[in-house]
């Protein structure tokens, strides 16, 4: 791939967490800063989809509002693909602080053979918020939104998809860490423990 972009979904209020997860602070940085900085150091552009909050503290961020309002993450993916000038685009949620550049590159190596989606399998589920999407999915995604079929994986069966099996991923990554996401207040405590342990190992 010559040019590579990322789409970062800032999200909004989470009923399970009880607030805006993007602005949760861990070790002095917000969740969205943590993942944005990782994306920004790897990708040519990071398109941040944000509707309800100001994220001007993200240096150099390209902030965009949903082109189609009130349709959830699928509309965020659509908006990111619309504004992107890259064929393949990595979609990330703001609540996965342990995604790594090595993971981006690993999935990137499958961005060929006319695959439209490159997605990981973990615990028998697919991980749509840590996956690559081809820009030519725009029309299909828009059609699903117009039909109010808003699940983020609603168009998977209609696409040329490459699933990276869990056993392959496990040879390269700690999957419990890579796919760790923050849904509840207690998850923030777990994330701090993981970061503290990683800092201890480096010292």
N, C-alpha and C. Protein backbone atom coordinates (compact mmCIF):
# COMPACT_ATOMS: atom_id res chain seq x y z
N UNK A 1 0.85 -1.20 0.00
CA UNK A 1 0.00 0.00 0.00
C UNK A 1 0.88 1.24 0.00
N UNK A 2 0.57 2.18 -0.86
CA UNK A 2 1.35 3.42 -0.89
C UNK A 2 0.87 4.40 0.17
N UNK A 3 -0.42 4.66 0.20
CA UNK A 3 -0.97 5.59 1.19
C UNK A 3 -1.87 4.81 2.13
N UNK A 4 -1.81 5.14 3.39
CA UNK A 4 -2.62 4.42 4.37
C UNK A 4 -3.20 5.42 5.37
N UNK A 5 -4.48 5.33 5.57
CA UNK A 5 -5.19 6.23 6.48
C UNK A 5 -5.88 5.44 7.58
N UNK A 6 -6.24 6.15 8.63
CA UNK A 6 -7.00 5.55 9.73
C UNK A 6 -8.22 6.40 10.01
N UNK A 7 -9.26 5.73 10.48
CA UNK A 7 -10.50 6.38 10.90
C UNK A 7 -10.69 6.09 12.38
N UNK A 8 -10.77 7.12 13.18
CA UNK A 8 -10.91 6.96 14.63
C UNK A 8 -12.28 7.46 15.07
N UNK A 9 -13.06 6.55 15.65
CA UNK A 9 -14.40 6.90 16.12
C UNK A 9 -14.31 7.41 17.55
N UNK A 10 -14.61 8.69 17.73
CA UNK A 10 -14.55 9.27 19.07
C UNK A 10 -15.70 8.80 19.95
N UNK A 11 -16.81 8.42 19.32
CA UNK A 11 -17.97 7.96 20.10
C UNK A 11 -18.63 9.11 20.82
N UNK A 12 -19.25 8.79 21.94
CA UNK A 12 -19.96 9.80 22.73
C UNK A 12 -20.29 9.24 24.09
N UNK A 13 -21.41 9.61 24.62
CA UNK A 13 -21.81 9.13 25.94
C UNK A 13 -22.05 7.62 25.91
N UNK A 14 -21.47 6.93 26.89
CA UNK A 14 -21.66 5.49 27.02
C UNK A 14 -22.52 5.21 28.24
N UNK A 15 -23.64 4.54 28.04
CA UNK A 15 -24.52 4.23 29.17
C UNK A 15 -23.87 3.21 30.10
N UNK A 16 -23.09 2.28 29.51
CA UNK A 16 -22.44 1.26 30.34
C UNK A 16 -21.34 1.87 31.21
N UNK A 17 -20.58 2.80 30.61
CA UNK A 17 -19.52 3.42 31.39
C UNK A 17 -20.05 4.56 32.26
N UNK A 18 -21.05 5.25 31.78
CA UNK A 18 -21.60 6.37 32.53
C UNK A 18 -20.93 7.69 32.20
N UNK A 19 -20.53 7.85 30.96
CA UNK A 19 -19.88 9.08 30.53
C UNK A 19 -19.23 8.90 29.17
N UNK A 20 -18.42 9.87 28.78
CA UNK A 20 -17.74 9.82 27.49
C UNK A 20 -16.42 9.07 27.65
N UNK A 21 -16.34 7.89 27.07
CA UNK A 21 -15.14 7.06 27.24
C UNK A 21 -13.91 7.70 26.62
N UNK A 22 -14.09 8.48 25.56
CA UNK A 22 -12.94 9.08 24.89
C UNK A 22 -12.13 9.97 25.82
N UNK A 23 -12.79 10.56 26.81
CA UNK A 23 -12.12 11.51 27.70
C UNK A 23 -11.68 10.91 29.03
N UNK A 24 -11.79 9.59 29.16
CA UNK A 24 -11.26 8.91 30.34
C UNK A 24 -9.75 9.12 30.39
N UNK A 25 -9.22 9.47 31.55
CA UNK A 25 -7.77 9.67 31.68
C UNK A 25 -7.11 8.46 32.29
N UNK A 26 -6.02 8.02 31.66
CA UNK A 26 -5.19 6.94 32.16
C UNK A 26 -3.74 7.40 32.08
N UNK A 27 -3.08 7.43 33.22
CA UNK A 27 -1.69 7.86 33.29
C UNK A 27 -1.48 9.24 32.65
N UNK A 28 -2.44 10.15 32.88
CA UNK A 28 -2.28 11.52 32.44
C UNK A 28 -2.69 11.80 31.00
N UNK A 29 -3.19 10.79 30.29
CA UNK A 29 -3.64 11.00 28.92
C UNK A 29 -5.04 10.44 28.75
N UNK A 30 -5.83 11.09 27.91
CA UNK A 30 -7.17 10.58 27.64
C UNK A 30 -7.06 9.36 26.72
N UNK A 31 -8.10 8.53 26.77
CA UNK A 31 -8.12 7.34 25.91
C UNK A 31 -7.95 7.71 24.45
N UNK A 32 -8.65 8.75 24.03
CA UNK A 32 -8.58 9.11 22.62
C UNK A 32 -7.19 9.61 22.24
N UNK A 33 -6.49 10.27 23.17
CA UNK A 33 -5.11 10.68 22.90
C UNK A 33 -4.20 9.48 22.72
N UNK A 34 -4.38 8.48 23.58
CA UNK A 34 -3.52 7.30 23.53
C UNK A 34 -3.62 6.61 22.18
N UNK A 35 -4.84 6.34 21.73
CA UNK A 35 -4.99 5.63 20.46
C UNK A 35 -4.69 6.55 19.28
N UNK A 36 -5.05 7.84 19.40
CA UNK A 36 -4.75 8.78 18.30
C UNK A 36 -3.25 8.87 18.05
N UNK A 37 -2.47 8.97 19.11
CA UNK A 37 -1.02 9.09 18.96
C UNK A 37 -0.43 7.85 18.28
N UNK A 38 -0.97 6.68 18.62
CA UNK A 38 -0.48 5.45 17.97
C UNK A 38 -0.83 5.44 16.49
N UNK A 39 -2.05 5.82 16.19
CA UNK A 39 -2.47 5.87 14.79
C UNK A 39 -1.68 6.92 14.02
N UNK A 40 -1.49 8.07 14.63
CA UNK A 40 -0.84 9.19 13.97
C UNK A 40 0.62 8.91 13.63
N UNK A 41 1.26 8.06 14.43
CA UNK A 41 2.66 7.73 14.17
C UNK A 41 2.82 6.65 13.09
N UNK A 42 1.71 6.05 12.68
CA UNK A 42 1.79 4.96 11.69
C UNK A 42 1.13 5.32 10.36
N UNK A 43 0.03 6.04 10.42
CA UNK A 43 -0.76 6.29 9.21
C UNK A 43 -0.51 7.69 8.65
N UNK A 44 -0.77 7.84 7.36
CA UNK A 44 -0.57 9.14 6.70
C UNK A 44 -1.58 10.18 7.19
N UNK A 45 -2.81 9.74 7.36
CA UNK A 45 -3.86 10.63 7.87
C UNK A 45 -4.67 9.88 8.92
N UNK A 46 -5.12 10.62 9.93
CA UNK A 46 -6.06 10.07 10.91
C UNK A 46 -7.30 10.95 10.88
N UNK A 47 -8.40 10.37 10.44
CA UNK A 47 -9.66 11.10 10.35
C UNK A 47 -10.47 10.77 11.60
N UNK A 48 -10.66 11.77 12.44
CA UNK A 48 -11.37 11.57 13.72
C UNK A 48 -12.84 11.95 13.52
N UNK A 49 -13.71 10.99 13.76
CA UNK A 49 -15.15 11.24 13.63
C UNK A 49 -15.70 11.61 15.00
N UNK A 50 -16.09 12.87 15.13
CA UNK A 50 -16.54 13.38 16.43
C UNK A 50 -17.72 14.32 16.22
N UNK A 51 -18.81 14.06 16.91
CA UNK A 51 -20.03 14.85 16.73
C UNK A 51 -20.36 15.75 17.92
N UNK A 52 -20.09 15.27 19.13
CA UNK A 52 -20.64 15.93 20.31
C UNK A 52 -19.61 16.65 21.17
N UNK A 53 -18.34 16.41 20.93
CA UNK A 53 -17.32 16.99 21.79
C UNK A 53 -16.22 17.62 20.94
N UNK A 54 -15.53 18.57 21.54
CA UNK A 54 -14.40 19.19 20.88
C UNK A 54 -13.13 18.41 21.22
N UNK A 55 -12.35 18.10 20.22
CA UNK A 55 -11.10 17.36 20.43
C UNK A 55 -9.93 18.12 19.83
N UNK A 56 -9.95 19.43 19.99
CA UNK A 56 -8.88 20.25 19.43
C UNK A 56 -7.53 20.00 20.10
N UNK A 57 -7.54 19.33 21.24
CA UNK A 57 -6.27 19.03 21.91
C UNK A 57 -5.50 17.92 21.19
N UNK A 58 -6.12 17.26 20.22
CA UNK A 58 -5.43 16.25 19.42
C UNK A 58 -4.64 16.97 18.32
N UNK A 59 -3.34 17.02 18.48
CA UNK A 59 -2.50 17.82 17.59
C UNK A 59 -2.53 17.26 16.17
N UNK A 60 -2.92 18.12 15.24
CA UNK A 60 -2.94 17.74 13.84
C UNK A 60 -4.11 16.89 13.42
N UNK A 61 -5.07 16.70 14.31
CA UNK A 61 -6.20 15.82 14.00
C UNK A 61 -7.09 16.43 12.93
N UNK A 62 -7.59 15.58 12.06
CA UNK A 62 -8.56 15.97 11.05
C UNK A 62 -9.94 15.59 11.57
N UNK A 63 -10.67 16.56 12.09
CA UNK A 63 -11.95 16.29 12.74
C UNK A 63 -13.10 16.40 11.74
N UNK A 64 -13.96 15.40 11.75
CA UNK A 64 -15.12 15.38 10.85
C UNK A 64 -16.37 14.96 11.62
N UNK A 65 -17.49 15.57 11.28
CA UNK A 65 -18.77 15.15 11.83
C UNK A 65 -19.42 14.14 10.89
N UNK A 66 -20.26 13.27 11.44
CA UNK A 66 -20.97 12.29 10.62
C UNK A 66 -21.72 12.97 9.48
N UNK A 67 -21.57 12.45 8.29
CA UNK A 67 -22.33 12.96 7.15
C UNK A 67 -23.80 12.58 7.25
N UNK A 68 -24.05 11.44 7.88
CA UNK A 68 -25.42 10.98 8.11
C UNK A 68 -25.61 10.90 9.62
N UNK A 69 -26.46 11.72 10.17
CA UNK A 69 -26.56 11.88 11.61
C UNK A 69 -27.35 10.74 12.28
N UNK A 70 -26.94 10.48 13.53
CA UNK A 70 -27.69 9.59 14.43
C UNK A 70 -27.83 8.17 13.90
N UNK A 71 -26.78 7.69 13.23
CA UNK A 71 -26.81 6.32 12.71
C UNK A 71 -25.68 5.47 13.27
N UNK A 72 -25.05 5.93 14.34
CA UNK A 72 -24.09 5.11 15.05
C UNK A 72 -22.75 4.94 14.35
N UNK A 73 -21.97 3.94 14.78
CA UNK A 73 -20.62 3.72 14.26
C UNK A 73 -20.57 3.47 12.76
N UNK A 74 -21.62 2.86 12.20
CA UNK A 74 -21.61 2.60 10.76
C UNK A 74 -21.54 3.90 9.97
N UNK A 75 -22.24 4.93 10.46
CA UNK A 75 -22.17 6.24 9.82
C UNK A 75 -20.79 6.86 9.99
N UNK A 76 -20.14 6.56 11.11
CA UNK A 76 -18.78 7.04 11.31
C UNK A 76 -17.81 6.42 10.32
N UNK A 77 -17.95 5.11 10.10
CA UNK A 77 -17.12 4.44 9.10
C UNK A 77 -17.39 5.01 7.71
N UNK A 78 -18.66 5.21 7.40
CA UNK A 78 -19.02 5.78 6.09
C UNK A 78 -18.38 7.16 5.91
N UNK A 79 -18.46 7.99 6.93
CA UNK A 79 -17.90 9.34 6.85
C UNK A 79 -16.39 9.30 6.65
N UNK A 80 -15.73 8.44 7.42
CA UNK A 80 -14.28 8.32 7.29
C UNK A 80 -13.86 7.87 5.91
N UNK A 81 -14.54 6.86 5.38
CA UNK A 81 -14.22 6.39 4.03
C UNK A 81 -14.49 7.47 2.98
N UNK A 82 -15.55 8.22 3.19
CA UNK A 82 -15.91 9.28 2.25
C UNK A 82 -14.78 10.32 2.14
N UNK A 83 -14.22 10.70 3.26
CA UNK A 83 -13.19 11.75 3.26
C UNK A 83 -11.79 11.20 2.99
N UNK A 84 -11.62 9.91 3.04
CA UNK A 84 -10.29 9.32 2.87
C UNK A 84 -9.87 9.30 1.41
N UNK A 85 -8.56 9.45 1.18
CA UNK A 85 -8.01 9.32 -0.16
C UNK A 85 -7.14 8.07 -0.28
N UNK A 86 -7.37 7.13 0.62
CA UNK A 86 -6.64 5.86 0.60
C UNK A 86 -7.59 4.72 0.28
N UNK A 87 -7.11 3.71 -0.44
CA UNK A 87 -7.95 2.56 -0.73
C UNK A 87 -8.32 1.83 0.56
N UNK A 88 -7.31 1.48 1.35
CA UNK A 88 -7.54 0.75 2.60
C UNK A 88 -7.42 1.70 3.78
N UNK A 89 -8.33 1.52 4.73
CA UNK A 89 -8.41 2.41 5.89
C UNK A 89 -8.64 1.59 7.15
N UNK A 90 -7.84 1.87 8.16
CA UNK A 90 -7.95 1.15 9.42
C UNK A 90 -8.98 1.84 10.31
N UNK A 91 -9.96 1.09 10.77
CA UNK A 91 -10.99 1.64 11.66
C UNK A 91 -10.65 1.29 13.10
N UNK A 92 -10.64 2.31 13.96
CA UNK A 92 -10.34 2.10 15.38
C UNK A 92 -11.39 2.80 16.23
N UNK A 93 -11.72 2.16 17.35
CA UNK A 93 -12.56 2.78 18.36
C UNK A 93 -11.66 3.42 19.41
N UNK A 94 -12.18 4.40 20.11
CA UNK A 94 -11.34 5.15 21.05
C UNK A 94 -11.11 4.41 22.36
N UNK A 95 -11.78 3.26 22.56
CA UNK A 95 -11.71 2.58 23.86
C UNK A 95 -10.81 1.35 23.85
N UNK A 96 -9.89 1.27 22.87
CA UNK A 96 -8.97 0.13 22.79
C UNK A 96 -7.54 0.65 22.89
N UNK A 97 -7.06 0.91 24.11
CA UNK A 97 -5.79 1.62 24.29
C UNK A 97 -4.53 0.80 23.99
N UNK A 98 -4.67 -0.51 23.78
CA UNK A 98 -3.48 -1.34 23.62
C UNK A 98 -3.27 -1.86 22.20
N UNK A 99 -3.97 -1.28 21.24
CA UNK A 99 -3.64 -1.56 19.85
C UNK A 99 -2.21 -1.10 19.59
N UNK A 100 -1.51 -1.82 18.70
CA UNK A 100 -0.09 -1.54 18.48
C UNK A 100 0.21 -1.36 17.00
N UNK A 101 1.30 -0.66 16.73
CA UNK A 101 1.71 -0.46 15.34
C UNK A 101 2.02 -1.78 14.66
N UNK A 102 2.56 -2.73 15.41
CA UNK A 102 2.86 -4.04 14.82
C UNK A 102 1.58 -4.73 14.36
N UNK A 103 0.50 -4.50 15.09
CA UNK A 103 -0.79 -5.08 14.70
C UNK A 103 -1.30 -4.41 13.42
N UNK A 104 -1.18 -3.09 13.35
CA UNK A 104 -1.59 -2.39 12.13
C UNK A 104 -0.85 -2.96 10.92
N UNK A 105 0.45 -3.13 11.07
CA UNK A 105 1.28 -3.62 9.97
C UNK A 105 0.95 -5.06 9.61
N UNK A 106 0.67 -5.87 10.62
CA UNK A 106 0.36 -7.28 10.36
C UNK A 106 -0.89 -7.40 9.51
N UNK A 107 -1.95 -6.71 9.90
CA UNK A 107 -3.17 -6.76 9.10
C UNK A 107 -2.97 -6.11 7.73
N UNK A 108 -2.14 -5.10 7.71
CA UNK A 108 -1.85 -4.39 6.47
C UNK A 108 -1.28 -5.32 5.40
N UNK A 109 -0.55 -6.33 5.85
CA UNK A 109 0.08 -7.26 4.91
C UNK A 109 -0.95 -8.08 4.13
N UNK A 110 -2.20 -8.05 4.58
CA UNK A 110 -3.28 -8.77 3.88
C UNK A 110 -4.11 -7.84 2.98
N UNK A 111 -3.72 -6.60 2.89
CA UNK A 111 -4.49 -5.64 2.10
C UNK A 111 -4.17 -5.78 0.61
N UNK A 112 -4.65 -6.86 0.04
CA UNK A 112 -4.44 -7.13 -1.39
C UNK A 112 -5.47 -8.17 -1.82
N UNK A 113 -5.32 -8.71 -3.02
CA UNK A 113 -6.22 -9.75 -3.55
C UNK A 113 -7.68 -9.31 -3.58
N UNK A 114 -7.88 -8.02 -3.74
CA UNK A 114 -9.24 -7.48 -3.82
C UNK A 114 -10.07 -7.66 -2.55
N UNK A 115 -9.40 -7.94 -1.43
CA UNK A 115 -10.14 -8.00 -0.17
C UNK A 115 -10.70 -6.62 0.14
N UNK A 116 -11.94 -6.59 0.60
CA UNK A 116 -12.57 -5.32 0.98
C UNK A 116 -12.55 -5.09 2.49
N UNK A 117 -12.44 -6.18 3.23
CA UNK A 117 -12.36 -6.12 4.70
C UNK A 117 -11.28 -7.08 5.15
N UNK A 118 -10.41 -6.62 6.04
CA UNK A 118 -9.44 -7.50 6.70
C UNK A 118 -9.70 -7.36 8.18
N UNK A 119 -10.18 -8.44 8.80
CA UNK A 119 -10.66 -8.36 10.18
C UNK A 119 -10.15 -9.55 10.98
N UNK A 120 -9.93 -9.34 12.26
CA UNK A 120 -9.41 -10.37 13.15
C UNK A 120 -10.52 -11.14 13.84
N UNK A 121 -10.22 -12.40 14.11
CA UNK A 121 -11.12 -13.25 14.90
C UNK A 121 -10.55 -13.37 16.32
N UNK A 122 -11.41 -13.22 17.30
CA UNK A 122 -10.98 -13.32 18.70
C UNK A 122 -12.13 -13.89 19.52
N UNK A 123 -11.86 -15.01 20.17
CA UNK A 123 -12.89 -15.69 20.97
C UNK A 123 -14.15 -15.95 20.15
N UNK A 124 -13.95 -16.38 18.93
CA UNK A 124 -15.01 -16.78 18.00
C UNK A 124 -15.86 -15.61 17.51
N UNK A 125 -15.41 -14.39 17.77
CA UNK A 125 -16.09 -13.20 17.27
C UNK A 125 -15.12 -12.42 16.38
N UNK A 126 -15.67 -11.59 15.52
CA UNK A 126 -14.85 -10.71 14.70
C UNK A 126 -14.70 -9.36 15.39
N UNK A 127 -13.59 -8.70 15.12
CA UNK A 127 -13.25 -7.43 15.77
C UNK A 127 -13.37 -6.28 14.75
N UNK A 128 -14.57 -5.74 14.57
CA UNK A 128 -14.79 -4.74 13.51
C UNK A 128 -14.14 -3.39 13.77
N UNK A 129 -13.80 -3.11 15.04
CA UNK A 129 -13.22 -1.80 15.37
C UNK A 129 -11.70 -1.86 15.47
N UNK A 130 -11.12 -2.87 14.83
CA UNK A 130 -9.66 -2.97 14.72
C UNK A 130 -9.36 -3.66 13.40
N UNK A 131 -9.93 -3.12 12.32
CA UNK A 131 -9.93 -3.80 11.03
C UNK A 131 -9.72 -2.79 9.89
N UNK A 132 -9.33 -3.32 8.74
CA UNK A 132 -9.17 -2.51 7.54
C UNK A 132 -10.42 -2.61 6.65
N UNK A 133 -10.79 -1.47 6.06
CA UNK A 133 -11.94 -1.41 5.16
C UNK A 133 -11.53 -0.69 3.87
N UNK A 134 -11.99 -1.22 2.75
CA UNK A 134 -11.68 -0.63 1.45
C UNK A 134 -12.67 0.49 1.13
N UNK A 135 -12.16 1.50 0.48
CA UNK A 135 -13.00 2.66 0.16
C UNK A 135 -14.16 2.31 -0.76
N UNK A 136 -14.03 1.23 -1.54
CA UNK A 136 -15.11 0.90 -2.47
C UNK A 136 -16.33 0.30 -1.78
N UNK A 137 -16.29 0.21 -0.44
CA UNK A 137 -17.46 -0.22 0.33
C UNK A 137 -18.46 0.91 0.56
N UNK A 138 -18.11 2.11 0.17
CA UNK A 138 -18.94 3.29 0.45
C UNK A 138 -20.40 3.10 0.05
N UNK A 139 -20.63 2.68 -1.18
CA UNK A 139 -22.01 2.57 -1.68
C UNK A 139 -22.79 1.52 -0.91
N UNK A 140 -22.14 0.39 -0.61
CA UNK A 140 -22.80 -0.69 0.12
C UNK A 140 -23.16 -0.24 1.54
N UNK A 141 -22.22 0.44 2.20
CA UNK A 141 -22.48 0.92 3.56
C UNK A 141 -23.61 1.95 3.55
N UNK A 142 -23.59 2.85 2.58
CA UNK A 142 -24.66 3.86 2.50
C UNK A 142 -26.02 3.20 2.31
N UNK A 143 -26.06 2.17 1.48
CA UNK A 143 -27.33 1.46 1.25
C UNK A 143 -27.85 0.84 2.54
N UNK A 144 -26.94 0.24 3.32
CA UNK A 144 -27.34 -0.36 4.60
C UNK A 144 -27.85 0.70 5.57
N UNK A 145 -27.20 1.85 5.59
CA UNK A 145 -27.65 2.94 6.46
C UNK A 145 -29.04 3.40 6.04
N UNK A 146 -29.24 3.57 4.75
CA UNK A 146 -30.54 4.01 4.25
C UNK A 146 -31.64 3.00 4.57
N UNK A 147 -31.26 1.71 4.64
CA UNK A 147 -32.22 0.66 4.99
C UNK A 147 -32.32 0.46 6.50
N UNK A 148 -31.62 1.33 7.25
CA UNK A 148 -31.60 1.28 8.71
C UNK A 148 -31.03 -0.03 9.25
N UNK A 149 -30.16 -0.64 8.46
CA UNK A 149 -29.43 -1.84 8.89
C UNK A 149 -28.09 -1.36 9.42
N UNK A 150 -28.05 -1.04 10.70
CA UNK A 150 -26.97 -0.21 11.25
C UNK A 150 -25.89 -0.98 12.01
N UNK A 151 -26.00 -2.29 12.09
CA UNK A 151 -24.94 -3.04 12.75
C UNK A 151 -23.63 -2.84 11.98
N UNK A 152 -22.54 -2.70 12.70
CA UNK A 152 -21.26 -2.41 12.05
C UNK A 152 -20.84 -3.53 11.11
N UNK A 153 -21.32 -4.75 11.38
CA UNK A 153 -20.97 -5.89 10.51
C UNK A 153 -22.09 -6.23 9.53
N UNK A 154 -23.02 -5.32 9.35
CA UNK A 154 -24.21 -5.60 8.54
C UNK A 154 -23.88 -5.91 7.08
N UNK A 155 -22.78 -5.40 6.58
CA UNK A 155 -22.43 -5.56 5.17
C UNK A 155 -21.35 -6.62 4.94
N UNK A 156 -20.92 -7.30 5.99
CA UNK A 156 -19.81 -8.25 5.87
C UNK A 156 -20.10 -9.37 4.88
N UNK A 157 -21.29 -9.93 4.95
CA UNK A 157 -21.62 -11.07 4.08
C UNK A 157 -21.71 -10.68 2.62
N UNK A 158 -21.83 -9.40 2.37
CA UNK A 158 -21.92 -8.91 0.99
C UNK A 158 -20.56 -8.44 0.47
N UNK A 159 -19.52 -8.67 1.26
CA UNK A 159 -18.19 -8.14 0.94
C UNK A 159 -17.18 -9.26 0.77
N UNK A 160 -16.08 -8.93 0.10
CA UNK A 160 -14.96 -9.86 -0.03
C UNK A 160 -14.09 -9.69 1.22
N UNK A 161 -14.20 -10.62 2.12
CA UNK A 161 -13.63 -10.46 3.47
C UNK A 161 -12.51 -11.46 3.73
N UNK A 162 -11.47 -10.99 4.36
CA UNK A 162 -10.38 -11.85 4.82
C UNK A 162 -10.40 -11.86 6.34
N UNK A 163 -10.62 -13.03 6.91
CA UNK A 163 -10.65 -13.18 8.37
C UNK A 163 -9.32 -13.76 8.82
N UNK A 164 -8.62 -13.03 9.69
CA UNK A 164 -7.37 -13.52 10.25
C UNK A 164 -7.71 -14.34 11.49
N UNK A 165 -7.43 -15.63 11.42
CA UNK A 165 -7.84 -16.54 12.47
C UNK A 165 -7.07 -16.28 13.77
N UNK A 166 -7.74 -16.59 14.87
CA UNK A 166 -7.18 -16.32 16.19
C UNK A 166 -5.85 -17.03 16.40
N UNK A 167 -5.74 -18.28 15.95
CA UNK A 167 -4.50 -19.02 16.18
C UNK A 167 -3.32 -18.38 15.45
N UNK A 168 -3.57 -17.76 14.31
CA UNK A 168 -2.51 -17.05 13.58
C UNK A 168 -2.10 -15.80 14.34
N UNK A 169 -3.08 -15.04 14.79
CA UNK A 169 -2.81 -13.82 15.54
C UNK A 169 -2.06 -14.10 16.84
N UNK A 170 -2.44 -15.20 17.50
CA UNK A 170 -1.86 -15.53 18.81
C UNK A 170 -0.37 -15.86 18.71
N UNK A 171 0.10 -16.17 17.52
CA UNK A 171 1.54 -16.42 17.34
C UNK A 171 2.34 -15.13 17.42
N UNK A 172 1.66 -14.01 17.29
CA UNK A 172 2.36 -12.72 17.20
C UNK A 172 1.99 -11.73 18.31
N UNK A 173 0.80 -11.90 18.89
CA UNK A 173 0.30 -10.87 19.81
C UNK A 173 -0.35 -11.49 21.04
N UNK A 174 -0.34 -10.72 22.13
CA UNK A 174 -1.15 -11.04 23.31
C UNK A 174 -2.55 -10.51 23.01
N UNK A 175 -3.44 -11.40 22.62
CA UNK A 175 -4.75 -10.97 22.14
C UNK A 175 -5.61 -10.40 23.25
N UNK A 176 -5.44 -10.89 24.48
CA UNK A 176 -6.20 -10.33 25.60
C UNK A 176 -5.86 -8.86 25.81
N UNK A 177 -4.64 -8.50 25.47
CA UNK A 177 -4.21 -7.11 25.60
C UNK A 177 -4.61 -6.28 24.38
N UNK A 178 -4.31 -6.80 23.20
CA UNK A 178 -4.60 -6.06 21.96
C UNK A 178 -6.07 -5.68 21.87
N UNK A 179 -6.95 -6.63 22.20
CA UNK A 179 -8.38 -6.40 22.03
C UNK A 179 -9.09 -5.98 23.32
N UNK A 180 -8.30 -5.61 24.32
CA UNK A 180 -8.88 -5.11 25.57
C UNK A 180 -9.58 -3.77 25.29
N UNK A 181 -10.82 -3.67 25.71
CA UNK A 181 -11.50 -2.39 25.56
C UNK A 181 -12.21 -2.01 26.86
N UNK A 182 -12.44 -0.73 27.00
CA UNK A 182 -12.99 -0.19 28.24
C UNK A 182 -14.48 0.06 28.07
N UNK A 183 -15.27 -0.72 28.79
CA UNK A 183 -16.72 -0.58 28.75
C UNK A 183 -17.30 -0.13 30.09
N UNK A 184 -16.63 -0.49 31.18
CA UNK A 184 -17.14 -0.22 32.52
C UNK A 184 -16.04 0.46 33.34
N UNK A 185 -16.41 1.16 34.41
CA UNK A 185 -15.40 1.84 35.24
C UNK A 185 -14.29 0.91 35.73
N UNK A 186 -14.63 -0.34 36.03
CA UNK A 186 -13.60 -1.27 36.52
C UNK A 186 -12.57 -1.61 35.44
N UNK A 187 -12.95 -1.45 34.17
CA UNK A 187 -11.99 -1.70 33.09
C UNK A 187 -10.88 -0.66 33.09
N UNK A 188 -11.17 0.54 33.55
CA UNK A 188 -10.14 1.57 33.65
C UNK A 188 -9.07 1.14 34.64
N UNK A 189 -9.49 0.52 35.73
CA UNK A 189 -8.54 0.03 36.73
C UNK A 189 -7.67 -1.06 36.13
N UNK A 190 -8.28 -1.97 35.37
CA UNK A 190 -7.52 -3.03 34.71
C UNK A 190 -6.50 -2.45 33.73
N UNK A 191 -6.92 -1.43 32.99
CA UNK A 191 -6.02 -0.81 32.02
C UNK A 191 -4.81 -0.19 32.71
N UNK A 192 -5.04 0.47 33.84
CA UNK A 192 -3.93 1.06 34.60
C UNK A 192 -2.96 -0.01 35.07
N UNK A 193 -3.50 -1.16 35.49
CA UNK A 193 -2.65 -2.26 35.95
C UNK A 193 -1.79 -2.80 34.80
N UNK A 194 -2.40 -2.92 33.62
CA UNK A 194 -1.65 -3.40 32.46
C UNK A 194 -0.52 -2.43 32.12
N UNK A 195 -0.82 -1.13 32.14
CA UNK A 195 0.19 -0.12 31.83
C UNK A 195 1.30 -0.11 32.87
N UNK A 196 0.93 -0.28 34.13
CA UNK A 196 1.93 -0.31 35.20
C UNK A 196 2.85 -1.51 35.04
N UNK A 197 2.26 -2.66 34.68
CA UNK A 197 3.05 -3.88 34.48
C UNK A 197 3.99 -3.72 33.30
N UNK A 198 3.50 -3.11 32.22
CA UNK A 198 4.35 -2.89 31.05
C UNK A 198 5.50 -1.95 31.38
N UNK A 199 5.21 -0.91 32.17
CA UNK A 199 6.26 0.03 32.58
C UNK A 199 7.29 -0.67 33.46
N UNK A 200 6.82 -1.56 34.33
CA UNK A 200 7.71 -2.31 35.22
C UNK A 200 8.65 -3.20 34.41
N UNK A 201 8.12 -3.85 33.37
CA UNK A 201 8.94 -4.76 32.57
C UNK A 201 10.02 -4.00 31.80
N UNK A 202 9.73 -2.73 31.45
CA UNK A 202 10.70 -1.94 30.70
C UNK A 202 11.81 -1.40 31.60
N UNK A 203 11.52 -1.31 32.92
CA UNK A 203 12.48 -0.68 33.84
C UNK A 203 13.59 -1.65 34.24
